Amino acid sequence: MSNFDLLVEYAATLEALVFASDKPVRERELQHHLPSDVNVEDVISVVMQRYDASGGVELCRVEDGWAFRTRPAVAERLQQYKTTRL
């Protein structure tokens, strides 16, 4: 298995951890789920590639952690929809 294939596998794990968390997941917590010779930033880069500008969510750094957030443009449209529906 290539280095990139391993990063993709680790990316799936970190993506699931961040997605399932109700608060930002600290990098040191993410690192616990990786082998010591794998850099969390490298794996996060792979995850971020999955969430390009065409999607409604993005992976964001929040202080010393990571969380999924609604893209600002989409959040604005959602707020407009909510306002007109009330």
PDB file of N, CA and C in Angstrom:
ATOM      1  N   MET A   1       0.854  -1.178   0.000  1.00  0.00           N
ATOM      2  CA  MET A   1       0.000   0.000   0.000  1.00  0.00           C
ATOM      3  C   MET A   1       0.899   1.240   0.000  1.00  0.00           C
ATOM      4  N   SER A   2       0.558   2.220  -0.835  1.00  0.00           N
ATOM      5  CA  SER A   2       1.385   3.422  -0.941  1.00  0.00           C
ATOM      6  C   SER A   2       1.163   4.351   0.255  1.00  0.00           C
ATOM      7  N   ASN A   3       2.065   5.298   0.402  1.00  0.00           N
ATOM      8  CA  ASN A   3       1.939   6.304   1.460  1.00  0.00           C
ATOM      9  C   ASN A   3       0.631   7.071   1.322  1.00  0.00           C
ATOM     10  N   PHE A   4       0.295   7.439   0.080  1.00  0.00           N
ATOM     11  CA  PHE A   4      -0.939   8.184  -0.143  1.00  0.00           C
ATOM     12  C   PHE A   4      -2.159   7.353   0.240  1.00  0.00           C
ATOM     13  N   ASP A   5      -2.156   6.076  -0.104  1.00  0.00           N
ATOM     14  CA  ASP A   5      -3.279   5.192   0.256  1.00  0.00           C
ATOM     15  C   ASP A   5      -3.452   5.116   1.768  1.00  0.00           C
ATOM     16  N   LEU A   6      -2.336   5.071   2.486  1.00  0.00           N
ATOM     17  CA  LEU A   6      -2.416   5.069   3.953  1.00  0.00           C
ATOM     18  C   LEU A   6      -2.990   6.381   4.464  1.00  0.00           C
ATOM     19  N   LEU A   7      -2.558   7.503   3.885  1.00  0.00           N
ATOM     20  CA  LEU A   7      -3.098   8.800   4.295  1.00  0.00           C
ATOM     21  C   LEU A   7      -4.605   8.870   4.062  1.00  0.00           C
ATOM     22  N   VAL A   8      -5.056   8.297   2.958  1.00  0.00           N
ATOM     23  CA  VAL A   8      -6.492   8.282   2.654  1.00  0.00           C
ATOM     24  C   VAL A   8      -7.245   7.470   3.703  1.00  0.00           C
ATOM     25  N   GLU A   9      -6.695   6.349   4.103  1.00  0.00           N
ATOM     26  CA  GLU A   9      -7.332   5.543   5.155  1.00  0.00           C
ATOM     27  C   GLU A   9      -7.390   6.298   6.478  1.00  0.00           C
ATOM     28  N   TYR A  10      -6.285   6.919   6.847  1.00  0.00           N
ATOM     29  CA  TYR A  10      -6.260   7.699   8.094  1.00  0.00           C
ATOM     30  C   TYR A  10      -7.206   8.893   7.999  1.00  0.00           C
ATOM     31  N   ALA A  11      -7.314   9.473   6.800  1.00  0.00           N
ATOM     32  CA  ALA A  11      -8.203  10.617   6.606  1.00  0.00           C
ATOM     33  C   ALA A  11      -9.652  10.232   6.897  1.00  0.00           C
ATOM     34  N   ALA A  12     -10.053   9.043   6.493  1.00  0.00           N
ATOM     35  CA  ALA A  12     -11.421   8.589   6.759  1.00  0.00           C
ATOM     36  C   ALA A  12     -11.682   8.510   8.260  1.00  0.00           C
ATOM     37  N   THR A  13     -10.693   8.064   9.000  1.00  0.00           N
ATOM     38  CA  THR A  13     -10.841   7.961  10.458  1.00  0.00           C
ATOM     39  C   THR A  13     -10.970   9.341  11.083  1.00  0.00           C
ATOM     40  N   LEU A  14     -10.066  10.263  10.711  1.00  0.00           N
ATOM     41  CA  LEU A  14     -10.116  11.600  11.300  1.00  0.00           C
ATOM     42  C   LEU A  14     -11.376  12.343  10.881  1.00  0.00           C
ATOM     43  N   GLU A  15     -11.784  12.162   9.643  1.00  0.00           N
ATOM     44  CA  GLU A  15     -13.014  12.787   9.159  1.00  0.00           C
ATOM     45  C   GLU A  15     -14.203  12.335  10.009  1.00  0.00           C
ATOM     46  N   ALA A  16     -14.292  11.057  10.273  1.00  0.00           N
ATOM     47  CA  ALA A  16     -15.394  10.522  11.079  1.00  0.00           C
ATOM     48  C   ALA A  16     -15.346  11.052  12.511  1.00  0.00           C
ATOM     49  N   LEU A  17     -14.153  11.147  13.078  1.00  0.00           N
ATOM     50  CA  LEU A  17     -14.017  11.672  14.440  1.00  0.00           C
ATOM     51  C   LEU A  17     -14.502  13.115  14.531  1.00  0.00           C
ATOM     52  N   VAL A  18     -14.077  13.931  13.586  1.00  0.00           N
ATOM     53  CA  VAL A  18     -14.473  15.342  13.601  1.00  0.00           C
ATOM     54  C   VAL A  18     -15.969  15.465  13.332  1.00  0.00           C
ATOM     55  N   PHE A  19     -16.478  14.715  12.385  1.00  0.00           N
ATOM     56  CA  PHE A  19     -17.897  14.761  12.046  1.00  0.00           C
ATOM     57  C   PHE A  19     -18.771  14.373  13.239  1.00  0.00           C
ATOM     58  N   ALA A  20     -18.364  13.374  13.976  1.00  0.00           N
ATOM     59  CA  ALA A  20     -19.182  12.860  15.073  1.00  0.00           C
ATOM     60  C   ALA A  20     -19.106  13.716  16.338  1.00  0.00           C
ATOM     61  N   SER A  21     -18.142  14.591  16.401  1.00  0.00           N
ATOM     62  CA  SER A  21     -17.952  15.390  17.613  1.00  0.00           C
ATOM     63  C   SER A  21     -18.853  16.615  17.623  1.00  0.00           C
ATOM     64  N   ASP A  22     -19.374  16.949  18.799  1.00  0.00           N
ATOM     65  CA  ASP A  22     -20.217  18.139  18.924  1.00  0.00           C
ATOM     66  C   ASP A  22     -19.392  19.391  19.222  1.00  0.00           C
ATOM     67  N   LYS A  23     -18.083  19.253  19.286  1.00  0.00           N
ATOM     68  CA  LYS A  23     -17.194  20.395  19.501  1.00  0.00           C
ATOM     69  C   LYS A  23     -15.914  20.154  18.698  1.00  0.00           C
ATOM     70  N   PRO A  24     -15.130  21.205  18.462  1.00  0.00           N
ATOM     71  CA  PRO A  24     -13.881  21.012  17.715  1.00  0.00           C
ATOM     72  C   PRO A  24     -12.999  19.956  18.375  1.00  0.00           C
ATOM     73  N   VAL A  25     -12.363  19.154  17.539  1.00  0.00           N
ATOM     74  CA  VAL A  25     -11.482  18.099  18.037  1.00  0.00           C
ATOM     75  C   VAL A  25     -10.047  18.615  17.954  1.00  0.00           C
ATOM     76  N   ARG A  26      -9.377  18.598  19.080  1.00  0.00           N
ATOM     77  CA  ARG A  26      -8.003  19.104  19.143  1.00  0.00           C
ATOM     78  C   ARG A  26      -7.060  18.222  18.339  1.00  0.00           C
ATOM     79  N   GLU A  27      -6.052  18.865  17.788  1.00  0.00           N
ATOM     80  CA  GLU A  27      -5.079  18.128  16.989  1.00  0.00           C
ATOM     81  C   GLU A  27      -4.408  17.019  17.789  1.00  0.00           C
ATOM     82  N   ARG A  28      -4.111  17.284  19.035  1.00  0.00           N
ATOM     83  CA  ARG A  28      -3.438  16.246  19.826  1.00  0.00           C
ATOM     84  C   ARG A  28      -4.339  15.029  20.026  1.00  0.00           C
ATOM     85  N   GLU A  29      -5.665  15.240  20.068  1.00  0.00           N
ATOM     86  CA  GLU A  29      -6.597  14.113  20.152  1.00  0.00           C
ATOM     87  C   GLU A  29      -6.603  13.347  18.832  1.00  0.00           C
ATOM     88  N   LEU A  30      -6.594  14.070  17.729  1.00  0.00           N
ATOM     89  CA  LEU A  30      -6.550  13.414  16.426  1.00  0.00           C
ATOM     90  C   LEU A  30      -5.258  12.615  16.270  1.00  0.00           C
ATOM     91  N   GLN A  31      -4.166  13.156  16.756  1.00  0.00           N
ATOM     92  CA  GLN A  31      -2.870  12.482  16.637  1.00  0.00           C
ATOM     93  C   GLN A  31      -2.875  11.137  17.357  1.00  0.00           C
ATOM     94  N   HIS A  32      -3.661  11.003  18.418  1.00  0.00           N
ATOM     95  CA  HIS A  32      -3.753   9.730  19.148  1.00  0.00           C
ATOM     96  C   HIS A  32      -4.288   8.598  18.271  1.00  0.00           C
ATOM     97  N   HIS A  33      -4.980   8.938  17.201  1.00  0.00           N
ATOM     98  CA  HIS A  33      -5.570   7.935  16.317  1.00  0.00           C
ATOM     99  C   HIS A  33      -4.699   7.642  15.104  1.00  0.00           C
ATOM    100  N   LEU A  34      -3.492   8.181  15.129  1.00  0.00           N
ATOM    101  CA  LEU A  34      -2.550   7.984  14.027  1.00  0.00           C
ATOM    102  C   LEU A  34      -1.264   7.366  14.539  1.00  0.00           C
ATOM    103  N   PRO A  35      -0.556   6.652  13.695  1.00  0.00           N
ATOM    104  CA  PRO A  35       0.772   6.173  14.093  1.00  0.00           C
ATOM    105  C   PRO A  35       1.679   7.373  14.381  1.00  0.00           C
ATOM    106  N   SER A  36       2.649   7.190  15.216  1.00  0.00           N
ATOM    107  CA  SER A  36       3.512   8.305  15.626  1.00  0.00           C
ATOM    108  C   SER A  36       4.297   8.913  14.468  1.00  0.00           C
ATOM    109  N   ASP A  37       4.503   8.150  13.411  1.00  0.00           N
ATOM    110  CA  ASP A  37       5.274   8.677  12.280  1.00  0.00           C
ATOM    111  C   ASP A  37       4.399   9.359  11.221  1.00  0.00           C
ATOM    112  N   VAL A  38       3.093   9.513  11.495  1.00  0.00           N
ATOM    113  CA  VAL A  38       2.183  10.170  10.552  1.00  0.00           C
ATOM    114  C   VAL A  38       1.800  11.527  11.131  1.00  0.00           C
ATOM    115  N   ASN A  39       1.969  12.557  10.308  1.00  0.00           N
ATOM    116  CA  ASN A  39       1.684  13.926  10.717  1.00  0.00           C
ATOM    117  C   ASN A  39       0.198  14.230  10.536  1.00  0.00           C
ATOM    118  N   VAL A  40      -0.437  14.715  11.587  1.00  0.00           N
ATOM    119  CA  VAL A  40      -1.868  15.007  11.529  1.00  0.00           C
ATOM    120  C   VAL A  40      -2.174  16.050  10.455  1.00  0.00           C
ATOM    121  N   GLU A  41      -1.297  17.015  10.250  1.00  0.00           N
ATOM    122  CA  GLU A  41      -1.524  18.038   9.220  1.00  0.00           C
ATOM    123  C   GLU A  41      -1.597  17.428   7.823  1.00  0.00           C
ATOM    124  N   ASP A  42      -0.774  16.420   7.567  1.00  0.00           N
ATOM    125  CA  ASP A  42      -0.814  15.751   6.269  1.00  0.00           C
ATOM    126  C   ASP A  42      -2.155  15.055   6.052  1.00  0.00           C
ATOM    127  N   VAL A  43      -2.651  14.437   7.094  1.00  0.00           N
ATOM    128  CA  VAL A  43      -3.935  13.725   6.991  1.00  0.00           C
ATOM    129  C   VAL A  43      -5.080  14.719   6.857  1.00  0.00           C
ATOM    130  N   ILE A  44      -5.036  15.815   7.611  1.00  0.00           N
ATOM    131  CA  ILE A  44      -6.063  16.854   7.514  1.00  0.00           C
ATOM    132  C   ILE A  44      -6.103  17.426   6.097  1.00  0.00           C
ATOM    133  N   SER A  45      -4.948  17.569   5.466  1.00  0.00           N
ATOM    134  CA  SER A  45      -4.900  18.069   4.085  1.00  0.00           C
ATOM    135  C   SER A  45      -5.683  17.162   3.140  1.00  0.00           C
ATOM    136  N   VAL A  46      -5.583  15.868   3.361  1.00  0.00           N
ATOM    137  CA  VAL A  46      -6.331  14.915   2.535  1.00  0.00           C
ATOM    138  C   VAL A  46      -7.830  15.088   2.779  1.00  0.00           C
ATOM    139  N   VAL A  47      -8.224  15.244   4.033  1.00  0.00           N
ATOM    140  CA  VAL A  47      -9.647  15.445   4.347  1.00  0.00           C
ATOM    141  C   VAL A  47     -10.151  16.722   3.684  1.00  0.00           C
ATOM    142  N   MET A  48      -9.380  17.786   3.776  1.00  0.00           N
ATOM    143  CA  MET A  48      -9.803  19.077   3.220  1.00  0.00           C
ATOM    144  C   MET A  48     -10.017  19.003   1.706  1.00  0.00           C
ATOM    145  N   GLN A  49      -9.272  18.158   1.028  1.00  0.00           N
ATOM    146  CA  GLN A  49      -9.430  18.016  -0.419  1.00  0.00           C
ATOM    147  C   GLN A  49     -10.803  17.461  -0.782  1.00  0.00           C
ATOM    148  N   ARG A  50     -11.424  16.758   0.144  1.00  0.00           N
ATOM    149  CA  ARG A  50     -12.752  16.191  -0.108  1.00  0.00           C
ATOM    150  C   ARG A  50     -13.854  17.245  -0.042  1.00  0.00           C
ATOM    151  N   TYR A  51     -13.552  18.381   0.561  1.00  0.00           N
ATOM    152  CA  TYR A  51     -14.556  19.424   0.795  1.00  0.00           C
ATOM    153  C   TYR A  51     -14.166  20.683   0.039  1.00  0.00           C
ATOM    154  N   ASP A  52     -14.392  20.662  -1.278  1.00  0.00           N
ATOM    155  CA  ASP A  52     -14.055  21.818  -2.090  1.00  0.00           C
ATOM    156  C   ASP A  52     -15.197  22.842  -2.051  1.00  0.00           C
ATOM    157  N   ALA A  53     -15.036  23.909  -2.787  1.00  0.00           N
ATOM    158  CA  ALA A  53     -15.988  25.022  -2.762  1.00  0.00           C
ATOM    159  C   ALA A  53     -17.370  24.659  -3.291  1.00  0.00           C
ATOM    160  N   SER A  54     -17.524  23.507  -3.922  1.00  0.00           N
ATOM    161  CA  SER A  54     -18.834  23.128  -4.457  1.00  0.00           C
ATOM    162  C   SER A  54     -19.757  22.563  -3.382  1.00  0.00           C
ATOM    163  N   GLY A  55     -19.228  22.248  -2.221  1.00  0.00           N
ATOM    164  CA  GLY A  55     -20.031  21.656  -1.159  1.00  0.00           C
ATOM    165  C   GLY A  55     -20.601  22.681  -0.199  1.00  0.00           C
ATOM    166  N   GLY A  56     -21.434  22.228   0.681  1.00  0.00           N
ATOM    167  CA  GLY A  56     -22.073  23.112   1.652  1.00  0.00           C
ATOM    168  C   GLY A  56     -21.354  23.200   2.982  1.00  0.00           C
ATOM    169  N   VAL A  57     -20.391  22.313   3.201  1.00  0.00           N
ATOM    170  CA  VAL A  57     -19.644  22.329   4.455  1.00  0.00           C
ATOM    171  C   VAL A  57     -18.153  22.399   4.161  1.00  0.00           C
ATOM    172  N   GLU A  58     -17.419  22.828   5.172  1.00  0.00           N
ATOM    173  CA  GLU A  58     -15.973  22.888   5.060  1.00  0.00           C
ATOM    174  C   GLU A  58     -15.349  22.481   6.387  1.00  0.00           C
ATOM    175  N   LEU A  59     -14.138  21.981   6.311  1.00  0.00           N
ATOM    176  CA  LEU A  59     -13.378  21.634   7.503  1.00  0.00           C
ATOM    177  C   LEU A  59     -12.603  22.872   7.908  1.00  0.00           C
ATOM    178  N   CYS A  60     -12.802  23.331   9.134  1.00  0.00           N
ATOM    179  CA  CYS A  60     -12.208  24.586   9.596  1.00  0.00           C
ATOM    180  C   CYS A  60     -11.355  24.363  10.837  1.00  0.00           C
ATOM    181  N   ARG A  61     -10.274  25.130  10.891  1.00  0.00           N
ATOM    182  CA  ARG A  61      -9.479  25.164  12.123  1.00  0.00           C
ATOM    183  C   ARG A  61     -10.219  26.063  13.101  1.00  0.00           C
ATOM    184  N   VAL A  62     -10.417  25.573  14.307  1.00  0.00           N
ATOM    185  CA  VAL A  62     -11.059  26.330  15.374  1.00  0.00           C
ATOM    186  C   VAL A  62     -10.106  26.264  16.566  1.00  0.00           C
ATOM    187  N   GLU A  63      -9.385  27.368  16.780  1.00  0.00           N
ATOM    188  CA  GLU A  63      -8.333  27.433  17.788  1.00  0.00           C
ATOM    189  C   GLU A  63      -7.328  26.308  17.550  1.00  0.00           C
ATOM    190  N   ASP A  64      -7.195  25.368  18.485  1.00  0.00           N
ATOM    191  CA  ASP A  64      -6.214  24.288  18.307  1.00  0.00           C
ATOM    192  C   ASP A  64      -6.871  22.983  17.863  1.00  0.00           C
ATOM    193  N   GLY A  65      -8.047  23.108  17.239  1.00  0.00           N
ATOM    194  CA  GLY A  65      -8.766  21.917  16.810  1.00  0.00           C
ATOM    195  C   GLY A  65      -9.380  22.082  15.436  1.00  0.00           C
ATOM    196  N   TRP A  66     -10.214  21.105  15.068  1.00  0.00           N
ATOM    197  CA  TRP A  66     -10.861  21.064  13.763  1.00  0.00           C
ATOM    198  C   TRP A  66     -12.336  20.748  13.932  1.00  0.00           C
ATOM    199  N   ALA A  67     -13.162  21.381  13.073  1.00  0.00           N
ATOM    200  CA  ALA A  67     -14.605  21.147  13.106  1.00  0.00           C
ATOM    201  C   ALA A  67     -15.174  21.370  11.710  1.00  0.00           C
ATOM    202  N   PHE A  68     -16.271  20.711  11.427  1.00  0.00           N
ATOM    203  CA  PHE A  68     -16.995  20.970  10.189  1.00  0.00           C
ATOM    204  C   PHE A  68     -17.951  22.119  10.441  1.00  0.00           C
ATOM    205  N   ARG A  69     -17.995  23.039   9.474  1.00  0.00           N
ATOM    206  CA  ARG A  69     -18.878  24.197   9.561  1.00  0.00           C
ATOM    207  C   ARG A  69     -19.580  24.382   8.219  1.00  0.00           C
ATOM    208  N   THR A  70     -20.731  25.015   8.265  1.00  0.00           N
ATOM    209  CA  THR A  70     -21.436  25.374   7.039  1.00  0.00           C
ATOM    210  C   THR A  70     -20.645  26.483   6.355  1.00  0.00           C
ATOM    211  N   ARG A  71     -20.468  26.359   5.049  1.00  0.00           N
ATOM    212  CA  ARG A  71     -19.772  27.425   4.300  1.00  0.00           C
ATOM    213  C   ARG A  71     -20.536  28.740   4.469  1.00  0.00           C
ATOM    214  N   PRO A  72     -19.827  29.865   4.610  1.00  0.00           N
ATOM    215  CA  PRO A  72     -20.490  31.155   4.846  1.00  0.00           C
ATOM    216  C   PRO A  72     -21.573  31.495   3.819  1.00  0.00           C
ATOM    217  N   ALA A  73     -21.319  31.277   2.538  1.00  0.00           N
ATOM    218  CA  ALA A  73     -22.330  31.611   1.521  1.00  0.00           C
ATOM    219  C   ALA A  73     -23.585  30.766   1.701  1.00  0.00           C
ATOM    220  N   VAL A  74     -23.403  29.518   2.035  1.00  0.00           N
ATOM    221  CA  VAL A  74     -24.548  28.625   2.243  1.00  0.00           C
ATOM    222  C   VAL A  74     -25.277  29.018   3.527  1.00  0.00           C
ATOM    223  N   ALA A  75     -24.533  29.346   4.566  1.00  0.00           N
ATOM    224  CA  ALA A  75     -25.148  29.759   5.834  1.00  0.00           C
ATOM    225  C   ALA A  75     -26.019  30.989   5.634  1.00  0.00           C
ATOM    226  N   GLU A  76     -25.546  31.910   4.793  1.00  0.00           N
ATOM    227  CA  GLU A  76     -26.328  33.114   4.511  1.00  0.00           C
ATOM    228  C   GLU A  76     -27.644  32.756   3.821  1.00  0.00           C
ATOM    229  N   ARG A  77     -27.585  31.869   2.846  1.00  0.00           N
ATOM    230  CA  ARG A  77     -28.816  31.448   2.156  1.00  0.00           C
ATOM    231  C   ARG A  77     -29.753  30.710   3.103  1.00  0.00           C
ATOM    232  N   LEU A  78     -29.189  29.908   3.996  1.00  0.00           N
ATOM    233  CA  LEU A  78     -30.022  29.201   4.969  1.00  0.00           C
ATOM    234  C   LEU A  78     -30.716  30.182   5.905  1.00  0.00           C
ATOM    235  N   GLN A  79     -30.002  31.218   6.302  1.00  0.00           N
ATOM    236  CA  GLN A  79     -30.581  32.232   7.175  1.00  0.00           C
ATOM    237  C   GLN A  79     -31.710  32.969   6.447  1.00  0.00           C
ATOM    238  N   GLN A  80     -31.516  33.273   5.166  1.00  0.00           N
ATOM    239  CA  GLN A  80     -32.556  33.936   4.381  1.00  0.00           C
ATOM    240  C   GLN A  80     -33.787  33.047   4.289  1.00  0.00           C
ATOM    241  N   TYR A  81     -33.581  31.755   4.069  1.00  0.00           N
ATOM    242  CA  TYR A  81     -34.693  30.806   3.982  1.00  0.00           C
ATOM    243  C   TYR A  81     -35.438  30.745   5.303  1.00  0.00           C
ATOM    244  N   LYS A  82     -34.693  30.687   6.383  1.00  0.00           N
ATOM    245  CA  LYS A  82     -35.309  30.611   7.720  1.00  0.00           C
ATOM    246  C   LYS A  82     -36.135  31.856   7.984  1.00  0.00           C
ATOM    247  N   THR A  83     -35.630  33.014   7.587  1.00  0.00           N
ATOM    248  CA  THR A  83     -36.328  34.277   7.811  1.00  0.00           C
ATOM    249  C   THR A  83     -37.648  34.329   7.015  1.00  0.00           C
ATOM    250  N   THR A  84     -37.608  33.866   5.773  1.00  0.00           N
ATOM    251  CA  THR A  84     -38.812  33.925   4.953  1.00  0.00           C
ATOM    252  C   THR A  84     -39.832  32.857   5.370  1.00  0.00           C
ATOM    253  N   ARG A  85     -39.404  31.790   5.988  1.00  0.00           N
ATOM    254  CA  ARG A  85     -40.298  30.710   6.397  1.00  0.00           C
ATOM    255  C   ARG A  85     -40.996  31.013   7.713  1.00  0.00           C
ATOM    256  N   LEU A  86     -40.488  31.925   8.493  1.00  0.00           N
ATOM    257  CA  LEU A  86     -41.106  32.214   9.795  1.00  0.00           C
ATOM    258  C   LEU A  86     -42.298  33.070   9.706  1.00  0.00           C
TER     259      LEU A  86
END
